């Protein structure tokens, strides 16, 4: 998903009152991590779940690059796990923002 589209989605959800600053963003098919990067820039706690190791490594690299660019840490947790077990992985609710594969 493009960064520009993600910005529009976050803005639209916020305008509708469906996404509040204290909400926890969960992307259960994390991929490159763009959803989490934008969410963390907006100050959200973010959890990225991804089954494939190479995508988790890509997310870690993208997170590190973002942190070096903005000069601070972001609240983005990356879990290598099977999203089919999401309820047992996370335990608590959140707002899921995903793009269909």
PDB file of N, CA and C in Angstrom:
ATOM      1  N   UNK A   1       0.859  -1.174   0.000  1.00  0.00           N
ATOM      2  CA  UNK A   1       0.000   0.000   0.000  1.00  0.00           C
ATOM      3  C   UNK A   1       0.908   1.240   0.000  1.00  0.00           C
ATOM      4  N   UNK A   2       0.549   2.251  -0.734  1.00  0.00           N
ATOM      5  CA  UNK A   2       1.386   3.454  -0.812  1.00  0.00           C
ATOM      6  C   UNK A   2       1.267   4.288   0.468  1.00  0.00           C
ATOM      7  N   UNK A   3       2.335   5.025   0.767  1.00  0.00           N
ATOM      8  CA  UNK A   3       2.327   5.895   1.944  1.00  0.00           C
ATOM      9  C   UNK A   3       1.216   6.936   1.837  1.00  0.00           C
ATOM     10  N   UNK A   4       1.028   7.482   0.636  1.00  0.00           N
ATOM     11  CA  UNK A   4      -0.003   8.500   0.433  1.00  0.00           C
ATOM     12  C   UNK A   4      -1.405   7.942   0.718  1.00  0.00           C
ATOM     13  N   UNK A   5      -1.679   6.747   0.229  1.00  0.00           N
ATOM     14  CA  UNK A   5      -2.969   6.115   0.481  1.00  0.00           C
ATOM     15  C   UNK A   5      -3.150   5.837   1.977  1.00  0.00           C
ATOM     16  N   UNK A   6      -2.102   5.352   2.631  1.00  0.00           N
ATOM     17  CA  UNK A   6      -2.188   5.102   4.078  1.00  0.00           C
ATOM     18  C   UNK A   6      -2.501   6.383   4.852  1.00  0.00           C
ATOM     19  N   UNK A   7      -1.864   7.483   4.473  1.00  0.00           N
ATOM     20  CA  UNK A   7      -2.153   8.765   5.126  1.00  0.00           C
ATOM     21  C   UNK A   7      -3.631   9.113   4.978  1.00  0.00           C
ATOM     22  N   UNK A   8      -4.182   8.901   3.792  1.00  0.00           N
ATOM     23  CA  UNK A   8      -5.604   9.185   3.561  1.00  0.00           C
ATOM     24  C   UNK A   8      -6.493   8.269   4.412  1.00  0.00           C
ATOM     25  N   UNK A   9      -6.117   7.000   4.515  1.00  0.00           N
ATOM     26  CA  UNK A   9      -6.905   6.056   5.311  1.00  0.00           C
ATOM     27  C   UNK A   9      -6.889   6.463   6.780  1.00  0.00           C
ATOM     28  N   UNK A  10      -5.709   6.759   7.306  1.00  0.00           N
ATOM     29  CA  UNK A  10      -5.614   7.174   8.710  1.00  0.00           C
ATOM     30  C   UNK A  10      -6.427   8.453   8.952  1.00  0.00           C
ATOM     31  N   UNK A  11      -6.317   9.425   8.048  1.00  0.00           N
ATOM     32  CA  UNK A  11      -7.064  10.677   8.194  1.00  0.00           C
ATOM     33  C   UNK A  11      -8.569  10.426   8.147  1.00  0.00           C
ATOM     34  N   UNK A  12      -9.001   9.603   7.212  1.00  0.00           N
ATOM     35  CA  UNK A  12     -10.432   9.309   7.070  1.00  0.00           C
ATOM     36  C   UNK A  12     -10.979   8.597   8.313  1.00  0.00           C
ATOM     37  N   UNK A  13     -10.261   7.597   8.789  1.00  0.00           N
ATOM     38  CA  UNK A  13     -10.700   6.883  10.002  1.00  0.00           C
ATOM     39  C   UNK A  13     -10.751   7.814  11.207  1.00  0.00           C
ATOM     40  N   UNK A  14      -9.780   8.720  11.298  1.00  0.00           N
ATOM     41  CA  UNK A  14      -9.770   9.682  12.406  1.00  0.00           C
ATOM     42  C   UNK A  14     -10.952  10.639  12.308  1.00  0.00           C
ATOM     43  N   UNK A  15     -11.226  11.132  11.103  1.00  0.00           N
ATOM     44  CA  UNK A  15     -12.353  12.043  10.883  1.00  0.00           C
ATOM     45  C   UNK A  15     -13.680  11.387  11.272  1.00  0.00           C
ATOM     46  N   UNK A  16     -13.820  10.107  10.952  1.00  0.00           N
ATOM     47  CA  UNK A  16     -15.044   9.376  11.291  1.00  0.00           C
ATOM     48  C   UNK A  16     -15.122   8.996  12.768  1.00  0.00           C
ATOM     49  N   UNK A  17     -14.040   9.225  13.501  1.00  0.00           N
ATOM     50  CA  UNK A  17     -14.012   8.856  14.916  1.00  0.00           C
ATOM     51  C   UNK A  17     -13.748   7.379  15.143  1.00  0.00           C
ATOM     52  N   UNK A  18     -13.326   6.676  14.098  1.00  0.00           N
ATOM     53  CA  UNK A  18     -13.057   5.243  14.208  1.00  0.00           C
ATOM     54  C   UNK A  18     -11.616   4.942  14.627  1.00  0.00           C
ATOM     55  N   UNK A  19     -10.765   5.955  14.578  1.00  0.00           N
ATOM     56  CA  UNK A  19      -9.372   5.805  14.982  1.00  0.00           C
ATOM     57  C   UNK A  19      -9.016   6.970  15.893  1.00  0.00           C
ATOM     58  N   UNK A  20      -8.702   6.647  17.122  1.00  0.00           N
ATOM     59  CA  UNK A  20      -8.375   7.659  18.124  1.00  0.00           C
ATOM     60  C   UNK A  20      -6.886   7.579  18.452  1.00  0.00           C
ATOM     61  N   UNK A  21      -6.309   8.662  18.963  1.00  0.00           N
ATOM     62  CA  UNK A  21      -4.861   8.672  19.240  1.00  0.00           C
ATOM     63  C   UNK A  21      -4.388   7.537  20.149  1.00  0.00           C
ATOM     64  N   UNK A  22      -5.217   7.082  21.052  1.00  0.00           N
ATOM     65  CA  UNK A  22      -4.811   6.025  21.990  1.00  0.00           C
ATOM     66  C   UNK A  22      -4.999   4.615  21.432  1.00  0.00           C
ATOM     67  N   UNK A  23      -5.553   4.488  20.224  1.00  0.00           N
ATOM     68  CA  UNK A  23      -5.798   3.165  19.643  1.00  0.00           C
ATOM     69  C   UNK A  23      -4.502   2.450  19.271  1.00  0.00           C
ATOM     70  N   UNK A  24      -4.537   1.156  19.419  1.00  0.00           N
ATOM     71  CA  UNK A  24      -3.435   0.256  19.095  1.00  0.00           C
ATOM     72  C   UNK A  24      -3.686  -0.288  17.687  1.00  0.00           C
ATOM     73  N   UNK A  25      -2.752  -0.063  16.783  1.00  0.00           N
ATOM     74  CA  UNK A  25      -2.883  -0.513  15.396  1.00  0.00           C
ATOM     75  C   UNK A  25      -2.258  -1.899  15.282  1.00  0.00           C
ATOM     76  N   UNK A  26      -2.984  -2.817  14.660  1.00  0.00           N
ATOM     77  CA  UNK A  26      -2.491  -4.178  14.445  1.00  0.00           C
ATOM     78  C   UNK A  26      -2.602  -4.495  12.960  1.00  0.00           C
ATOM     79  N   UNK A  27      -1.482  -4.876  12.371  1.00  0.00           N
ATOM     80  CA  UNK A  27      -1.485  -5.324  10.974  1.00  0.00           C
ATOM     81  C   UNK A  27      -1.056  -6.772  10.995  1.00  0.00           C
ATOM     82  N   UNK A  28      -1.984  -7.680  10.707  1.00  0.00           N
ATOM     83  CA  UNK A  28      -1.692  -9.097  10.853  1.00  0.00           C
ATOM     84  C   UNK A  28      -1.124  -9.745   9.597  1.00  0.00           C
ATOM     85  N   UNK A  29      -0.812  -8.952   8.596  1.00  0.00           N
ATOM     86  CA  UNK A  29      -0.043  -9.404   7.432  1.00  0.00           C
ATOM     87  C   UNK A  29       0.927  -8.279   7.110  1.00  0.00           C
ATOM     88  N   UNK A  30       1.907  -8.106   7.976  1.00  0.00           N
ATOM     89  CA  UNK A  30       2.766  -6.927   8.022  1.00  0.00           C
ATOM     90  C   UNK A  30       3.528  -6.562   6.767  1.00  0.00           C
ATOM     91  N   UNK A  31       3.967  -7.541   5.989  1.00  0.00           N
ATOM     92  CA  UNK A  31       4.697  -7.244   4.754  1.00  0.00           C
ATOM     93  C   UNK A  31       5.899  -6.355   4.984  1.00  0.00           C
ATOM     94  N   UNK A  32       5.982  -5.243   4.274  1.00  0.00           N
ATOM     95  CA  UNK A  32       7.128  -4.334   4.393  1.00  0.00           C
ATOM     96  C   UNK A  32       7.022  -3.414   5.601  1.00  0.00           C
ATOM     97  N   UNK A  33       5.837  -3.336   6.211  1.00  0.00           N
ATOM     98  CA  UNK A  33       5.667  -2.540   7.426  1.00  0.00           C
ATOM     99  C   UNK A  33       5.146  -1.134   7.223  1.00  0.00           C
ATOM    100  N   UNK A  34       4.725  -0.791   6.035  1.00  0.00           N
ATOM    101  CA  UNK A  34       4.281   0.586   5.782  1.00  0.00           C
ATOM    102  C   UNK A  34       3.112   1.013   6.669  1.00  0.00           C
ATOM    103  N   UNK A  35       2.155   0.132   6.877  1.00  0.00           N
ATOM    104  CA  UNK A  35       1.016   0.469   7.734  1.00  0.00           C
ATOM    105  C   UNK A  35       1.499   0.864   9.122  1.00  0.00           C
ATOM    106  N   UNK A  36       2.433   0.103   9.642  1.00  0.00           N
ATOM    107  CA  UNK A  36       2.979   0.384  10.965  1.00  0.00           C
ATOM    108  C   UNK A  36       3.831   1.631  11.019  1.00  0.00           C
ATOM    109  N   UNK A  37       4.587   1.877   9.969  1.00  0.00           N
ATOM    110  CA  UNK A  37       5.428   3.070   9.945  1.00  0.00           C
ATOM    111  C   UNK A  37       4.585   4.334  10.012  1.00  0.00           C
ATOM    112  N   UNK A  38       3.531   4.386   9.207  1.00  0.00           N
ATOM    113  CA  UNK A  38       2.653   5.564   9.212  1.00  0.00           C
ATOM    114  C   UNK A  38       1.917   5.660  10.551  1.00  0.00           C
ATOM    115  N   UNK A  39       1.403   4.537  11.046  1.00  0.00           N
ATOM    116  CA  UNK A  39       0.713   4.555  12.336  1.00  0.00           C
ATOM    117  C   UNK A  39       1.612   5.041  13.458  1.00  0.00           C
ATOM    118  N   UNK A  40       2.862   4.581  13.462  1.00  0.00           N
ATOM    119  CA  UNK A  40       3.778   5.008  14.515  1.00  0.00           C
ATOM    120  C   UNK A  40       4.132   6.489  14.380  1.00  0.00           C
ATOM    121  N   UNK A  41       4.197   6.985  13.157  1.00  0.00           N
ATOM    122  CA  UNK A  41       4.432   8.420  12.970  1.00  0.00           C
ATOM    123  C   UNK A  41       3.284   9.250  13.526  1.00  0.00           C
ATOM    124  N   UNK A  42       2.082   8.679  13.513  1.00  0.00           N
ATOM    125  CA  UNK A  42       0.911   9.356  14.064  1.00  0.00           C
ATOM    126  C   UNK A  42       0.813   9.165  15.578  1.00  0.00           C
ATOM    127  N   UNK A  43       1.788   8.481  16.170  1.00  0.00           N
ATOM    128  CA  UNK A  43       1.826   8.324  17.621  1.00  0.00           C
ATOM    129  C   UNK A  43       1.115   7.094  18.157  1.00  0.00           C
ATOM    130  N   UNK A  44       0.668   6.215  17.283  1.00  0.00           N
ATOM    131  CA  UNK A  44      -0.021   5.008  17.727  1.00  0.00           C
ATOM    132  C   UNK A  44       0.973   3.936  18.155  1.00  0.00           C
ATOM    133  N   UNK A  45       0.554   3.120  19.105  1.00  0.00           N
ATOM    134  CA  UNK A  45       1.263   1.881  19.403  1.00  0.00           C
ATOM    135  C   UNK A  45       0.887   0.935  18.270  1.00  0.00           C
ATOM    136  N   UNK A  46       1.889   0.268  17.671  1.00  0.00           N
ATOM    137  CA  UNK A  46       1.653  -0.568  16.504  1.00  0.00           C
ATOM    138  C   UNK A  46       2.233  -1.957  16.728  1.00  0.00           C
ATOM    139  N   UNK A  47       1.477  -2.970  16.344  1.00  0.00           N
ATOM    140  CA  UNK A  47       1.976  -4.344  16.343  1.00  0.00           C
ATOM    141  C   UNK A  47       1.845  -4.885  14.932  1.00  0.00           C
ATOM    142  N   UNK A  48       2.969  -5.336  14.414  1.00  0.00           N
ATOM    143  CA  UNK A  48       3.017  -5.924  13.079  1.00  0.00           C
ATOM    144  C   UNK A  48       3.220  -7.428  13.248  1.00  0.00           C
ATOM    145  N   UNK A  49       2.384  -8.223  12.594  1.00  0.00           N
ATOM    146  CA  UNK A  49       2.490  -9.681  12.641  1.00  0.00           C
ATOM    147  C   UNK A  49       2.791 -10.164  11.228  1.00  0.00           C
ATOM    148  N   UNK A  50       3.826 -10.961  11.091  1.00  0.00           N
ATOM    149  CA  UNK A  50       4.224 -11.467   9.779  1.00  0.00           C
ATOM    150  C   UNK A  50       4.796 -12.864   9.942  1.00  0.00           C
ATOM    151  N   UNK A  51       4.388 -13.773   9.093  1.00  0.00           N
ATOM    152  CA  UNK A  51       4.844 -15.159   9.153  1.00  0.00           C
ATOM    153  C   UNK A  51       6.262 -15.324   8.607  1.00  0.00           C
ATOM    154  N   UNK A  52       6.574 -14.625   7.528  1.00  0.00           N
ATOM    155  CA  UNK A  52       7.826 -14.858   6.819  1.00  0.00           C
ATOM    156  C   UNK A  52       8.983 -14.026   7.385  1.00  0.00           C
ATOM    157  N   UNK A  53      10.075 -14.717   7.682  1.00  0.00           N
ATOM    158  CA  UNK A  53      11.244 -14.092   8.314  1.00  0.00           C
ATOM    159  C   UNK A  53      11.799 -12.935   7.483  1.00  0.00           C
ATOM    160  N   UNK A  54      11.884 -13.101   6.163  1.00  0.00           N
ATOM    161  CA  UNK A  54      12.497 -12.039   5.356  1.00  0.00           C
ATOM    162  C   UNK A  54      11.678 -10.751   5.401  1.00  0.00           C
ATOM    163  N   UNK A  55      10.358 -10.849   5.541  1.00  0.00           N
ATOM    164  CA  UNK A  55       9.539  -9.644   5.693  1.00  0.00           C
ATOM    165  C   UNK A  55       9.735  -9.015   7.073  1.00  0.00           C
ATOM    166  N   UNK A  56       9.895  -9.838   8.099  1.00  0.00           N
ATOM    167  CA  UNK A  56      10.177  -9.298   9.432  1.00  0.00           C
ATOM    168  C   UNK A  56      11.499  -8.537   9.429  1.00  0.00           C
ATOM    169  N   UNK A  57      12.505  -9.097   8.768  1.00  0.00           N
ATOM    170  CA  UNK A  57      13.799  -8.425   8.662  1.00  0.00           C
ATOM    171  C   UNK A  57      13.668  -7.117   7.880  1.00  0.00           C
ATOM    172  N   UNK A  58      12.850  -7.122   6.823  1.00  0.00           N
ATOM    173  CA  UNK A  58      12.623  -5.910   6.046  1.00  0.00           C
ATOM    174  C   UNK A  58      11.953  -4.845   6.917  1.00  0.00           C
ATOM    175  N   UNK A  59      10.960  -5.259   7.703  1.00  0.00           N
ATOM    176  CA  UNK A  59      10.283  -4.307   8.594  1.00  0.00           C
ATOM    177  C   UNK A  59      11.259  -3.719   9.607  1.00  0.00           C
ATOM    178  N   UNK A  60      12.117  -4.565  10.181  1.00  0.00           N
ATOM    179  CA  UNK A  60      13.112  -4.079  11.153  1.00  0.00           C
ATOM    180  C   UNK A  60      14.008  -3.024  10.502  1.00  0.00           C
ATOM    181  N   UNK A  61      14.439  -3.288   9.272  1.00  0.00           N
ATOM    182  CA  UNK A  61      15.268  -2.318   8.557  1.00  0.00           C
ATOM    183  C   UNK A  61      14.526  -1.031   8.258  1.00  0.00           C
ATOM    184  N   UNK A  62      13.271  -1.139   7.832  1.00  0.00           N
ATOM    185  CA  UNK A  62      12.465   0.051   7.544  1.00  0.00           C
ATOM    186  C   UNK A  62      12.194   0.858   8.811  1.00  0.00           C
ATOM    187  N   UNK A  63      11.957   0.164   9.907  1.00  0.00           N
ATOM    188  CA  UNK A  63      11.744   0.840  11.192  1.00  0.00           C
ATOM    189  C   UNK A  63      13.008   1.589  11.611  1.00  0.00           C
ATOM    190  N   UNK A  64      14.163   0.926  11.521  1.00  0.00           N
ATOM    191  CA  UNK A  64      15.429   1.564  11.888  1.00  0.00           C
ATOM    192  C   UNK A  64      15.705   2.789  11.022  1.00  0.00           C
ATOM    193  N   UNK A  65      15.407   2.673   9.724  1.00  0.00           N
ATOM    194  CA  UNK A  65      15.618   3.809   8.813  1.00  0.00           C
ATOM    195  C   UNK A  65      14.722   4.979   9.195  1.00  0.00           C
ATOM    196  N   UNK A  66      13.445   4.695   9.476  1.00  0.00           N
ATOM    197  CA  UNK A  66      12.527   5.755   9.896  1.00  0.00           C
ATOM    198  C   UNK A  66      13.023   6.422  11.176  1.00  0.00           C
ATOM    199  N   UNK A  67      13.410   5.617  12.161  1.00  0.00           N
ATOM    200  CA  UNK A  67      13.876   6.176  13.433  1.00  0.00           C
ATOM    201  C   UNK A  67      15.104   7.060  13.245  1.00  0.00           C
ATOM    202  N   UNK A  68      16.004   6.657  12.349  1.00  0.00           N
ATOM    203  CA  UNK A  68      17.192   7.493  12.110  1.00  0.00           C
ATOM    204  C   UNK A  68      16.810   8.787  11.398  1.00  0.00           C
ATOM    205  N   UNK A  69      15.791   8.727  10.546  1.00  0.00           N
ATOM    206  CA  UNK A  69      15.364   9.924   9.813  1.00  0.00           C
ATOM    207  C   UNK A  69      14.644  10.921  10.712  1.00  0.00           C
ATOM    208  N   UNK A  70      13.851  10.426  11.674  1.00  0.00           N
ATOM    209  CA  UNK A  70      13.079  11.351  12.515  1.00  0.00           C
ATOM    210  C   UNK A  70      13.766  11.628  13.858  1.00  0.00           C
ATOM    211  N   UNK A  71      14.824  10.885  14.169  1.00  0.00           N
ATOM    212  CA  UNK A  71      15.600  11.142  15.378  1.00  0.00           C
ATOM    213  C   UNK A  71      14.957  10.686  16.670  1.00  0.00           C
ATOM    214  N   UNK A  72      14.074   9.706  16.589  1.00  0.00           N
ATOM    215  CA  UNK A  72      13.447   9.159  17.799  1.00  0.00           C
ATOM    216  C   UNK A  72      12.966   7.742  17.535  1.00  0.00           C
ATOM    217  N   UNK A  73      12.720   7.017  18.621  1.00  0.00           N
ATOM    218  CA  UNK A  73      12.164   5.664  18.515  1.00  0.00           C
ATOM    219  C   UNK A  73      10.667   5.759  18.228  1.00  0.00           C
ATOM    220  N   UNK A  74      10.144   4.737  17.559  1.00  0.00           N
ATOM    221  CA  UNK A  74       8.703   4.634  17.339  1.00  0.00           C
ATOM    222  C   UNK A  74       8.199   3.382  18.041  1.00  0.00           C
ATOM    223  N   UNK A  75       6.932   3.392  18.414  1.00  0.00           N
ATOM    224  CA  UNK A  75       6.326   2.286  19.158  1.00  0.00           C
ATOM    225  C   UNK A  75       5.749   1.278  18.171  1.00  0.00           C
ATOM    226  N   UNK A  76       6.630   0.475  17.572  1.00  0.00           N
ATOM    227  CA  UNK A  76       6.227  -0.496  16.560  1.00  0.00           C
ATOM    228  C   UNK A  76       6.871  -1.837  16.902  1.00  0.00           C
ATOM    229  N   UNK A  77       6.040  -2.766  17.331  1.00  0.00           N
ATOM    230  CA  UNK A  77       6.495  -4.107  17.663  1.00  0.00           C
ATOM    231  C   UNK A  77       6.329  -5.001  16.431  1.00  0.00           C
ATOM    232  N   UNK A  78       7.328  -5.815  16.153  1.00  0.00           N
ATOM    233  CA  UNK A  78       7.291  -6.722  15.001  1.00  0.00           C
ATOM    234  C   UNK A  78       7.350  -8.152  15.525  1.00  0.00           C
ATOM    235  N   UNK A  79       6.311  -8.923  15.214  1.00  0.00           N
ATOM    236  CA  UNK A  79       6.238 -10.308  15.663  1.00  0.00           C
ATOM    237  C   UNK A  79       6.272 -11.247  14.468  1.00  0.00           C
ATOM    238  N   UNK A  80       7.198 -12.206  14.492  1.00  0.00           N
ATOM    239  CA  UNK A  80       7.163 -13.251  13.472  1.00  0.00           C
ATOM    240  C   UNK A  80       6.245 -14.327  14.018  1.00  0.00           C
ATOM    241  N   UNK A  81       5.048 -14.422  13.445  1.00  0.00           N
ATOM    242  CA  UNK A  81       4.024 -15.336  13.955  1.00  0.00           C
ATOM    243  C   UNK A  81       2.991 -15.594  12.870  1.00  0.00           C
ATOM    244  N   UNK A  82       2.148 -16.572  13.122  1.00  0.00           N
ATOM    245  CA  UNK A  82       1.092 -16.957  12.197  1.00  0.00           C
ATOM    246  C   UNK A  82      -0.189 -16.194  12.550  1.00  0.00           C
ATOM    247  N   UNK A  83      -0.654 -15.352  11.647  1.00  0.00           N
ATOM    248  CA  UNK A  83      -1.827 -14.511  11.901  1.00  0.00           C
ATOM    249  C   UNK A  83      -3.090 -15.325  12.158  1.00  0.00           C
ATOM    250  N   UNK A  84      -3.102 -16.583  11.770  1.00  0.00           N
ATOM    251  CA  UNK A  84      -4.262 -17.421  12.053  1.00  0.00           C
ATOM    252  C   UNK A  84      -4.401 -17.685  13.549  1.00  0.00           C
ATOM    253  N   UNK A  85      -3.365 -17.384  14.298  1.00  0.00           N
ATOM    254  CA  UNK A  85      -3.376 -17.533  15.758  1.00  0.00           C
ATOM    255  C   UNK A  85      -3.406 -16.165  16.448  1.00  0.00           C
ATOM    256  N   UNK A  86      -3.939 -15.170  15.764  1.00  0.00           N
ATOM    257  CA  UNK A  86      -3.868 -13.782  16.221  1.00  0.00           C
ATOM    258  C   UNK A  86      -4.415 -13.576  17.622  1.00  0.00           C
ATOM    259  N   UNK A  87      -5.557 -14.155  17.937  1.00  0.00           N
ATOM    260  CA  UNK A  87      -6.144 -13.913  19.257  1.00  0.00           C
ATOM    261  C   UNK A  87      -5.238 -14.425  20.374  1.00  0.00           C
ATOM    262  N   UNK A  88      -4.561 -15.530  20.171  1.00  0.00           N
ATOM    263  CA  UNK A  88      -3.662 -16.031  21.208  1.00  0.00           C
ATOM    264  C   UNK A  88      -2.337 -15.269  21.227  1.00  0.00           C
ATOM    265  N   UNK A  89      -1.954 -14.681  20.105  1.00  0.00           N
ATOM    266  CA  UNK A  89      -0.711 -13.906  20.034  1.00  0.00           C
ATOM    267  C   UNK A  89      -0.873 -12.574  20.760  1.00  0.00           C
ATOM    268  N   UNK A  90      -1.968 -11.881  20.504  1.00  0.00           N
ATOM    269  CA  UNK A  90      -2.148 -10.520  21.001  1.00  0.00           C
ATOM    270  C   UNK A  90      -2.900 -10.436  22.319  1.00  0.00           C
ATOM    271  N   UNK A  91      -3.925 -11.213  22.470  1.00  0.00           N
ATOM    272  CA  UNK A  91      -4.692 -11.181  23.711  1.00  0.00           C
ATOM    273  C   UNK A  91      -5.644 -10.003  23.834  1.00  0.00           C
ATOM    274  N   UNK A  92      -5.240  -8.796  23.440  1.00  0.00           N
ATOM    275  CA  UNK A  92      -6.087  -7.608  23.563  1.00  0.00           C
ATOM    276  C   UNK A  92      -6.525  -7.140  22.190  1.00  0.00           C
ATOM    277  N   UNK A  93      -7.545  -6.305  22.161  1.00  0.00           N
ATOM    278  CA  UNK A  93      -8.063  -5.779  20.898  1.00  0.00           C
ATOM    279  C   UNK A  93      -7.241  -4.637  20.366  1.00  0.00           C
ATOM    280  N   UNK A  94      -7.631  -4.165  19.206  1.00  0.00           N
ATOM    281  CA  UNK A  94      -6.974  -3.038  18.552  1.00  0.00           C
ATOM    282  C   UNK A  94      -7.700  -2.745  17.256  1.00  0.00           C
ATOM    283  N   UNK A  95      -7.183  -1.810  16.507  1.00  0.00           N
ATOM    284  CA  UNK A  95      -7.745  -1.472  15.207  1.00  0.00           C
ATOM    285  C   UNK A  95      -6.862  -2.109  14.159  1.00  0.00           C
ATOM    286  N   UNK A  96      -7.416  -3.000  13.335  1.00  0.00           N
ATOM    287  CA  UNK A  96      -6.645  -3.652  12.287  1.00  0.00           C
ATOM    288  C   UNK A  96      -6.792  -2.899  10.972  1.00  0.00           C
ATOM    289  N   UNK A  97      -5.666  -2.503  10.388  1.00  0.00           N
ATOM    290  CA  UNK A  97      -5.672  -1.835   9.091  1.00  0.00           C
ATOM    291  C   UNK A  97      -4.808  -2.673   8.176  1.00  0.00           C
ATOM    292  N   UNK A  98      -5.413  -3.260   7.154  1.00  0.00           N
ATOM    293  CA  UNK A  98      -4.658  -4.129   6.259  1.00  0.00           C
ATOM    294  C   UNK A  98      -5.069  -3.873   4.822  1.00  0.00           C
ATOM    295  N   UNK A  99      -4.192  -4.273   3.936  1.00  0.00           N
ATOM    296  CA  UNK A  99      -4.554  -4.276   2.527  1.00  0.00           C
ATOM    297  C   UNK A  99      -4.663  -5.743   2.123  1.00  0.00           C
ATOM    298  N   UNK A 100      -5.632  -6.090   1.347  1.00  0.00           N
ATOM    299  CA  UNK A 100      -5.756  -7.507   0.968  1.00  0.00           C
ATOM    300  C   UNK A 100      -4.593  -7.944   0.092  1.00  0.00           C
ATOM    301  N   UNK A 101      -4.089  -9.156   0.347  1.00  0.00           N
ATOM    302  CA  UNK A 101      -2.960  -9.647  -0.472  1.00  0.00           C
ATOM    303  C   UNK A 101      -3.418  -9.992  -1.874  1.00  0.00           C
TER     304      UNK A 101
END
